[in-house]
Amino acid sequence: MEAESDTPPDGPQAPLACPEIDESPRIARRKHYSFRIKRAVLQAAEGMSVRAAAKQFGIPRQTLSDGIADKENILAYK
């Protein structure tokens, strides 16, 4: 009787990577907000904390902070 071996038999091996899966790195795209949206968010966020406003509107805190810093130009844009 032949003992079973833990090593796989020699012969054709299955490919390690599946060709249907695209594993190329994804490039993150930046989100752009129109001046109309920026104005609406800045006016609605008046009196709120940056954290609460960012969470409510679903935008990053830093994006909102940058908008608040540039509020004068955003509101003046026609």
PDB file of N, CA and C in Angstrom:
ATOM      1  N   MET A   1       0.848  -1.174   0.000  1.00  0.00           N
ATOM      2  CA  MET A   1       0.000   0.000   0.000  1.00  0.00           C
ATOM      3  C   MET A   1       0.894   1.238   0.000  1.00  0.00           C
ATOM      4  N   GLU A   2       0.509   2.216  -0.767  1.00  0.00           N
ATOM      5  CA  GLU A   2       1.309   3.424  -0.926  1.00  0.00           C
ATOM      6  C   GLU A   2       0.874   4.474   0.084  1.00  0.00           C
ATOM      7  N   ALA A   3       1.827   5.123   0.718  1.00  0.00           N
ATOM      8  CA  ALA A   3       1.515   6.170   1.697  1.00  0.00           C
ATOM      9  C   ALA A   3       1.182   7.466   0.971  1.00  0.00           C
ATOM     10  N   GLU A   4       0.199   8.168   1.501  1.00  0.00           N
ATOM     11  CA  GLU A   4      -0.170   9.451   0.896  1.00  0.00           C
ATOM     12  C   GLU A   4       0.834  10.514   1.296  1.00  0.00           C
ATOM     13  N   SER A   5       1.097  11.404   0.374  1.00  0.00           N
ATOM     14  CA  SER A   5       2.086  12.456   0.598  1.00  0.00           C
ATOM     15  C   SER A   5       1.377  13.797   0.763  1.00  0.00           C
ATOM     16  N   ASP A   6       1.968  14.684   1.565  1.00  0.00           N
ATOM     17  CA  ASP A   6       1.402  16.023   1.737  1.00  0.00           C
ATOM     18  C   ASP A   6       1.794  16.961   0.608  1.00  0.00           C
ATOM     19  N   THR A   7       2.727  16.562  -0.227  1.00  0.00           N
ATOM     20  CA  THR A   7       3.154  17.422  -1.329  1.00  0.00           C
ATOM     21  C   THR A   7       2.234  17.211  -2.513  1.00  0.00           C
ATOM     22  N   PRO A   8       1.922  18.280  -3.228  1.00  0.00           N
ATOM     23  CA  PRO A   8       1.038  18.154  -4.385  1.00  0.00           C
ATOM     24  C   PRO A   8       1.747  17.410  -5.510  1.00  0.00           C
ATOM     25  N   PRO A   9       1.002  16.733  -6.349  1.00  0.00           N
ATOM     26  CA  PRO A   9       1.618  16.010  -7.458  1.00  0.00           C
ATOM     27  C   PRO A   9       2.191  16.987  -8.476  1.00  0.00           C
ATOM     28  N   ASP A  10       3.239  16.534  -9.164  1.00  0.00           N
ATOM     29  CA  ASP A  10       3.807  17.358 -10.232  1.00  0.00           C
ATOM     30  C   ASP A  10       2.831  17.375 -11.393  1.00  0.00           C
ATOM     31  N   GLY A  11       2.816  18.490 -12.093  1.00  0.00           N
ATOM     32  CA  GLY A  11       1.925  18.595 -13.229  1.00  0.00           C
ATOM     33  C   GLY A  11       1.457  20.029 -13.368  1.00  0.00           C
ATOM     34  N   PRO A  12       0.521  20.256 -14.262  1.00  0.00           N
ATOM     35  CA  PRO A  12       0.050  21.638 -14.466  1.00  0.00           C
ATOM     36  C   PRO A  12      -0.589  22.189 -13.195  1.00  0.00           C
ATOM     37  N   GLN A  13      -0.250  23.405 -12.912  1.00  0.00           N
ATOM     38  CA  GLN A  13      -0.764  24.060 -11.711  1.00  0.00           C
ATOM     39  C   GLN A  13      -1.762  25.143 -12.121  1.00  0.00           C
ATOM     40  N   ALA A  14      -2.730  25.381 -11.289  1.00  0.00           N
ATOM     41  CA  ALA A  14      -3.708  26.441 -11.542  1.00  0.00           C
ATOM     42  C   ALA A  14      -3.027  27.794 -11.358  1.00  0.00           C
ATOM     43  N   PRO A  15      -3.394  28.785 -12.163  1.00  0.00           N
ATOM     44  CA  PRO A  15      -2.791  30.111 -11.995  1.00  0.00           C
ATOM     45  C   PRO A  15      -3.154  30.693 -10.632  1.00  0.00           C
ATOM     46  N   LEU A  16      -2.235  31.450 -10.071  1.00  0.00           N
ATOM     47  CA  LEU A  16      -2.466  32.038  -8.754  1.00  0.00           C
ATOM     48  C   LEU A  16      -3.392  33.241  -8.821  1.00  0.00           C
ATOM     49  N   ALA A  17      -3.359  33.965  -9.924  1.00  0.00           N
ATOM     50  CA  ALA A  17      -4.191  35.161 -10.050  1.00  0.00           C
ATOM     51  C   ALA A  17      -5.355  34.870 -10.983  1.00  0.00           C
ATOM     52  N   CYS A  18      -6.480  35.427 -10.656  1.00  0.00           N
ATOM     53  CA  CYS A  18      -7.675  35.278 -11.478  1.00  0.00           C
ATOM     54  C   CYS A  18      -7.697  36.418 -12.500  1.00  0.00           C
ATOM     55  N   PRO A  19      -7.722  36.136 -13.804  1.00  0.00           N
ATOM     56  CA  PRO A  19      -7.660  37.215 -14.792  1.00  0.00           C
ATOM     57  C   PRO A  19      -8.892  38.117 -14.795  1.00  0.00           C
ATOM     58  N   GLU A  20     -10.001  37.683 -14.206  1.00  0.00           N
ATOM     59  CA  GLU A  20     -11.207  38.507 -14.195  1.00  0.00           C
ATOM     60  C   GLU A  20     -11.142  39.629 -13.173  1.00  0.00           C
ATOM     61  N   ILE A  21     -10.221  39.524 -12.222  1.00  0.00           N
ATOM     62  CA  ILE A  21     -10.133  40.521 -11.159  1.00  0.00           C
ATOM     63  C   ILE A  21      -9.084  41.551 -11.527  1.00  0.00           C
ATOM     64  N   ASP A  22      -9.490  42.795 -11.584  1.00  0.00           N
ATOM     65  CA  ASP A  22      -8.567  43.888 -11.889  1.00  0.00           C
ATOM     66  C   ASP A  22      -7.940  44.353 -10.585  1.00  0.00           C
ATOM     67  N   GLU A  23      -6.663  44.119 -10.428  1.00  0.00           N
ATOM     68  CA  GLU A  23      -5.983  44.494  -9.192  1.00  0.00           C
ATOM     69  C   GLU A  23      -5.111  45.724  -9.370  1.00  0.00           C
ATOM     70  N   SER A  24      -5.381  46.510 -10.405  1.00  0.00           N
ATOM     71  CA  SER A  24      -4.596  47.726 -10.596  1.00  0.00           C
ATOM     72  C   SER A  24      -4.986  48.733  -9.517  1.00  0.00           C
ATOM     73  N   PRO A  25      -4.046  49.560  -9.092  1.00  0.00           N
ATOM     74  CA  PRO A  25      -4.356  50.521  -8.024  1.00  0.00           C
ATOM     75  C   PRO A  25      -5.389  51.548  -8.488  1.00  0.00           C
ATOM     76  N   ARG A  26      -6.246  51.906  -7.600  1.00  0.00           N
ATOM     77  CA  ARG A  26      -7.274  52.905  -7.902  1.00  0.00           C
ATOM     78  C   ARG A  26      -6.749  54.290  -7.569  1.00  0.00           C
ATOM     79  N   ILE A  27      -7.039  55.235  -8.419  1.00  0.00           N
ATOM     80  CA  ILE A  27      -6.631  56.613  -8.178  1.00  0.00           C
ATOM     81  C   ILE A  27      -7.822  57.343  -7.578  1.00  0.00           C
ATOM     82  N   ALA A  28      -7.609  57.917  -6.406  1.00  0.00           N
ATOM     83  CA  ALA A  28      -8.685  58.648  -5.734  1.00  0.00           C
ATOM     84  C   ALA A  28      -8.951  59.945  -6.491  1.00  0.00           C
ATOM     85  N   ARG A  29     -10.202  60.200  -6.772  1.00  0.00           N
ATOM     86  CA  ARG A  29     -10.578  61.419  -7.478  1.00  0.00           C
ATOM     87  C   ARG A  29     -11.024  62.452  -6.463  1.00  0.00           C
ATOM     88  N   ARG A  30     -10.657  63.688  -6.702  1.00  0.00           N
ATOM     89  CA  ARG A  30     -11.070  64.764  -5.807  1.00  0.00           C
ATOM     90  C   ARG A  30     -12.501  65.161  -6.104  1.00  0.00           C
ATOM     91  N   LYS A  31     -13.217  65.482  -5.061  1.00  0.00           N
ATOM     92  CA  LYS A  31     -14.603  65.926  -5.193  1.00  0.00           C
ATOM     93  C   LYS A  31     -14.600  67.434  -5.374  1.00  0.00           C
ATOM     94  N   HIS A  32     -15.396  67.919  -6.294  1.00  0.00           N
ATOM     95  CA  HIS A  32     -15.499  69.354  -6.537  1.00  0.00           C
ATOM     96  C   HIS A  32     -16.893  69.824  -6.147  1.00  0.00           C
ATOM     97  N   TYR A  33     -16.957  70.972  -5.510  1.00  0.00           N
ATOM     98  CA  TYR A  33     -18.227  71.548  -5.083  1.00  0.00           C
ATOM     99  C   TYR A  33     -18.426  72.869  -5.814  1.00  0.00           C
ATOM    100  N   SER A  34     -19.625  73.089  -6.340  1.00  0.00           N
ATOM    101  CA  SER A  34     -19.912  74.343  -7.029  1.00  0.00           C
ATOM    102  C   SER A  34     -20.034  75.468  -6.007  1.00  0.00           C
ATOM    103  N   PHE A  35     -19.909  76.705  -6.488  1.00  0.00           N
ATOM    104  CA  PHE A  35     -20.046  77.847  -5.585  1.00  0.00           C
ATOM    105  C   PHE A  35     -21.449  77.893  -4.980  1.00  0.00           C
ATOM    106  N   ARG A  36     -22.441  77.458  -5.732  1.00  0.00           N
ATOM    107  CA  ARG A  36     -23.815  77.435  -5.221  1.00  0.00           C
ATOM    108  C   ARG A  36     -23.916  76.499  -4.018  1.00  0.00           C
ATOM    109  N   ILE A  37     -23.329  75.318  -4.129  1.00  0.00           N
ATOM    110  CA  ILE A  37     -23.337  74.356  -3.023  1.00  0.00           C
ATOM    111  C   ILE A  37     -22.531  74.895  -1.850  1.00  0.00           C
ATOM    112  N   LYS A  38     -21.357  75.456  -2.137  1.00  0.00           N
ATOM    113  CA  LYS A  38     -20.511  76.006  -1.072  1.00  0.00           C
ATOM    114  C   LYS A  38     -21.254  77.089  -0.300  1.00  0.00           C
ATOM    115  N   ARG A  39     -21.934  77.981  -1.036  1.00  0.00           N
ATOM    116  CA  ARG A  39     -22.698  79.059  -0.390  1.00  0.00           C
ATOM    117  C   ARG A  39     -23.795  78.492   0.494  1.00  0.00           C
ATOM    118  N   ALA A  40     -24.531  77.529  -0.026  1.00  0.00           N
ATOM    119  CA  ALA A  40     -25.638  76.938   0.732  1.00  0.00           C
ATOM    120  C   ALA A  40     -25.132  76.273   2.011  1.00  0.00           C
ATOM    121  N   VAL A  41     -24.032  75.552   1.924  1.00  0.00           N
ATOM    122  CA  VAL A  41     -23.478  74.877   3.104  1.00  0.00           C
ATOM    123  C   VAL A  41     -22.982  75.902   4.112  1.00  0.00           C
ATOM    124  N   LEU A  42     -22.272  76.930   3.644  1.00  0.00           N
ATOM    125  CA  LEU A  42     -21.750  77.945   4.566  1.00  0.00           C
ATOM    126  C   LEU A  42     -22.878  78.677   5.285  1.00  0.00           C
ATOM    127  N   GLN A  43     -23.949  78.995   4.569  1.00  0.00           N
ATOM    128  CA  GLN A  43     -25.068  79.695   5.197  1.00  0.00           C
ATOM    129  C   GLN A  43     -25.815  78.779   6.166  1.00  0.00           C
ATOM    130  N   ALA A  44     -25.995  77.516   5.800  1.00  0.00           N
ATOM    131  CA  ALA A  44     -26.704  76.583   6.677  1.00  0.00           C
ATOM    132  C   ALA A  44     -25.869  76.219   7.904  1.00  0.00           C
ATOM    133  N   ALA A  45     -24.549  76.267   7.777  1.00  0.00           N
ATOM    134  CA  ALA A  45     -23.665  75.886   8.879  1.00  0.00           C
ATOM    135  C   ALA A  45     -23.391  77.042   9.834  1.00  0.00           C
ATOM    136  N   GLU A  46     -23.938  78.192   9.554  1.00  0.00           N
ATOM    137  CA  GLU A  46     -23.747  79.366  10.415  1.00  0.00           C
ATOM    138  C   GLU A  46     -24.186  79.027  11.842  1.00  0.00           C
ATOM    139  N   GLY A  47     -23.309  79.236  12.798  1.00  0.00           N
ATOM    140  CA  GLY A  47     -23.629  78.982  14.196  1.00  0.00           C
ATOM    141  C   GLY A  47     -23.404  77.546  14.641  1.00  0.00           C
ATOM    142  N   MET A  48     -23.023  76.670  13.731  1.00  0.00           N
ATOM    143  CA  MET A  48     -22.750  75.274  14.080  1.00  0.00           C
ATOM    144  C   MET A  48     -21.245  75.079  14.233  1.00  0.00           C
ATOM    145  N   SER A  49     -20.868  74.034  14.926  1.00  0.00           N
ATOM    146  CA  SER A  49     -19.445  73.699  14.986  1.00  0.00           C
ATOM    147  C   SER A  49     -19.036  73.103  13.638  1.00  0.00           C
ATOM    148  N   VAL A  50     -17.758  73.207  13.324  1.00  0.00           N
ATOM    149  CA  VAL A  50     -17.259  72.666  12.059  1.00  0.00           C
ATOM    150  C   VAL A  50     -17.500  71.160  12.008  1.00  0.00           C
ATOM    151  N   ARG A  51     -17.249  70.487  13.118  1.00  0.00           N
ATOM    152  CA  ARG A  51     -17.425  69.030  13.166  1.00  0.00           C
ATOM    153  C   ARG A  51     -18.882  68.644  12.899  1.00  0.00           C
ATOM    154  N   ALA A  52     -19.820  69.318  13.558  1.00  0.00           N
ATOM    155  CA  ALA A  52     -21.241  68.986  13.387  1.00  0.00           C
ATOM    156  C   ALA A  52     -21.714  69.295  11.968  1.00  0.00           C
ATOM    157  N   ALA A  53     -21.289  70.438  11.436  1.00  0.00           N
ATOM    158  CA  ALA A  53     -21.703  70.817  10.084  1.00  0.00           C
ATOM    159  C   ALA A  53     -21.127  69.850   9.050  1.00  0.00           C
ATOM    160  N   ALA A  54     -19.868  69.481   9.205  1.00  0.00           N
ATOM    161  CA  ALA A  54     -19.241  68.551   8.262  1.00  0.00           C
ATOM    162  C   ALA A  54     -19.951  67.203   8.291  1.00  0.00           C
ATOM    163  N   LYS A  55     -20.313  66.754   9.468  1.00  0.00           N
ATOM    164  CA  LYS A  55     -21.013  65.475   9.598  1.00  0.00           C
ATOM    165  C   LYS A  55     -22.410  65.564   8.985  1.00  0.00           C
ATOM    166  N   GLN A  56     -23.115  66.659   9.232  1.00  0.00           N
ATOM    167  CA  GLN A  56     -24.473  66.820   8.715  1.00  0.00           C
ATOM    168  C   GLN A  56     -24.488  66.853   7.185  1.00  0.00           C
ATOM    169  N   PHE A  57     -23.512  67.539   6.582  1.00  0.00           N
ATOM    170  CA  PHE A  57     -23.500  67.694   5.130  1.00  0.00           C
ATOM    171  C   PHE A  57     -22.670  66.629   4.421  1.00  0.00           C
ATOM    172  N   GLY A  58     -21.975  65.790   5.187  1.00  0.00           N
ATOM    173  CA  GLY A  58     -21.215  64.702   4.586  1.00  0.00           C
ATOM    174  C   GLY A  58     -19.983  65.150   3.823  1.00  0.00           C
ATOM    175  N   ILE A  59     -19.316  66.181   4.329  1.00  0.00           N
ATOM    176  CA  ILE A  59     -18.087  66.655   3.695  1.00  0.00           C
ATOM    177  C   ILE A  59     -16.958  66.612   4.716  1.00  0.00           C
ATOM    178  N   PRO A  60     -15.720  66.502   4.262  1.00  0.00           N
ATOM    179  CA  PRO A  60     -14.599  66.477   5.204  1.00  0.00           C
ATOM    180  C   PRO A  60     -14.489  67.776   5.998  1.00  0.00           C
ATOM    181  N   ARG A  61     -14.067  67.660   7.254  1.00  0.00           N
ATOM    182  CA  ARG A  61     -13.928  68.844   8.118  1.00  0.00           C
ATOM    183  C   ARG A  61     -12.961  69.854   7.524  1.00  0.00           C
ATOM    184  N   GLN A  62     -11.853  69.369   6.968  1.00  0.00           N
ATOM    185  CA  GLN A  62     -10.863  70.294   6.413  1.00  0.00           C
ATOM    186  C   GLN A  62     -11.436  71.058   5.227  1.00  0.00           C
ATOM    187  N   THR A  63     -12.266  70.412   4.432  1.00  0.00           N
ATOM    188  CA  THR A  63     -12.903  71.084   3.301  1.00  0.00           C
ATOM    189  C   THR A  63     -13.803  72.204   3.802  1.00  0.00           C
ATOM    190  N   LEU A  64     -14.567  71.931   4.843  1.00  0.00           N
ATOM    191  CA  LEU A  64     -15.439  72.954   5.413  1.00  0.00           C
ATOM    192  C   LEU A  64     -14.622  74.076   6.045  1.00  0.00           C
ATOM    193  N   SER A  65     -13.553  73.730   6.738  1.00  0.00           N
ATOM    194  CA  SER A  65     -12.691  74.753   7.344  1.00  0.00           C
ATOM    195  C   SER A  65     -12.079  75.653   6.278  1.00  0.00           C
ATOM    196  N   ASP A  66     -11.651  75.060   5.168  1.00  0.00           N
ATOM    197  CA  ASP A  66     -11.107  75.855   4.065  1.00  0.00           C
ATOM    198  C   ASP A  66     -12.178  76.780   3.492  1.00  0.00           C
ATOM    199  N   GLY A  67     -13.402  76.283   3.391  1.00  0.00           N
ATOM    200  CA  GLY A  67     -14.499  77.109   2.884  1.00  0.00           C
ATOM    201  C   GLY A  67     -14.818  78.258   3.818  1.00  0.00           C
ATOM    202  N   ILE A  68     -14.773  78.007   5.119  1.00  0.00           N
ATOM    203  CA  ILE A  68     -15.031  79.071   6.097  1.00  0.00           C
ATOM    204  C   ILE A  68     -13.942  80.131   6.007  1.00  0.00           C
ATOM    205  N   ALA A  69     -12.696  79.696   5.817  1.00  0.00           N
ATOM    206  CA  ALA A  69     -11.588  80.646   5.689  1.00  0.00           C
ATOM    207  C   ALA A  69     -11.732  81.495   4.428  1.00  0.00           C
ATOM    208  N   ASP A  70     -12.342  80.940   3.386  1.00  0.00           N
ATOM    209  CA  ASP A  70     -12.506  81.651   2.111  1.00  0.00           C
ATOM    210  C   ASP A  70     -13.951  82.123   1.921  1.00  0.00           C
ATOM    211  N   LYS A  71     -14.687  82.238   3.016  1.00  0.00           N
ATOM    212  CA  LYS A  71     -16.117  82.552   2.973  1.00  0.00           C
ATOM    213  C   LYS A  71     -16.417  83.850   2.227  1.00  0.00           C
ATOM    214  N   GLU A  72     -15.608  84.867   2.450  1.00  0.00           N
ATOM    215  CA  GLU A  72     -15.849  86.166   1.812  1.00  0.00           C
ATOM    216  C   GLU A  72     -15.841  86.037   0.290  1.00  0.00           C
ATOM    217  N   ASN A  73     -14.871  85.330  -0.260  1.00  0.00           N
ATOM    218  CA  ASN A  73     -14.790  85.153  -1.715  1.00  0.00           C
ATOM    219  C   ASN A  73     -15.909  84.260  -2.242  1.00  0.00           C
ATOM    220  N   ILE A  74     -16.272  83.246  -1.484  1.00  0.00           N
ATOM    221  CA  ILE A  74     -17.328  82.332  -1.925  1.00  0.00           C
ATOM    222  C   ILE A  74     -18.671  83.051  -1.979  1.00  0.00           C
ATOM    223  N   LEU A  75     -18.975  83.839  -0.957  1.00  0.00           N
ATOM    224  CA  LEU A  75     -20.258  84.551  -0.933  1.00  0.00           C
ATOM    225  C   LEU A  75     -20.289  85.697  -1.934  1.00  0.00           C
ATOM    226  N   ALA A  76     -19.132  86.256  -2.290  1.00  0.00           N
ATOM    227  CA  ALA A  76     -19.080  87.366  -3.242  1.00  0.00           C
ATOM    228  C   ALA A  76     -19.179  86.887  -4.686  1.00  0.00           C
ATOM    229  N   TYR A  77     -18.882  85.612  -4.940  1.00  0.00           N
ATOM    230  CA  TYR A  77     -18.886  85.080  -6.303  1.00  0.00           C
ATOM    231  C   TYR A  77     -20.305  85.076  -6.859  1.00  0.00           C
ATOM    232  N   LYS A  78     -20.470  85.568  -8.068  1.00  0.00           N
ATOM    233  CA  LYS A  78     -21.802  85.621  -8.703  1.00  0.00           C
ATOM    234  C   LYS A  78     -21.862  84.687  -9.876  1.00  0.00           C
TER     235      LYS A  78
END
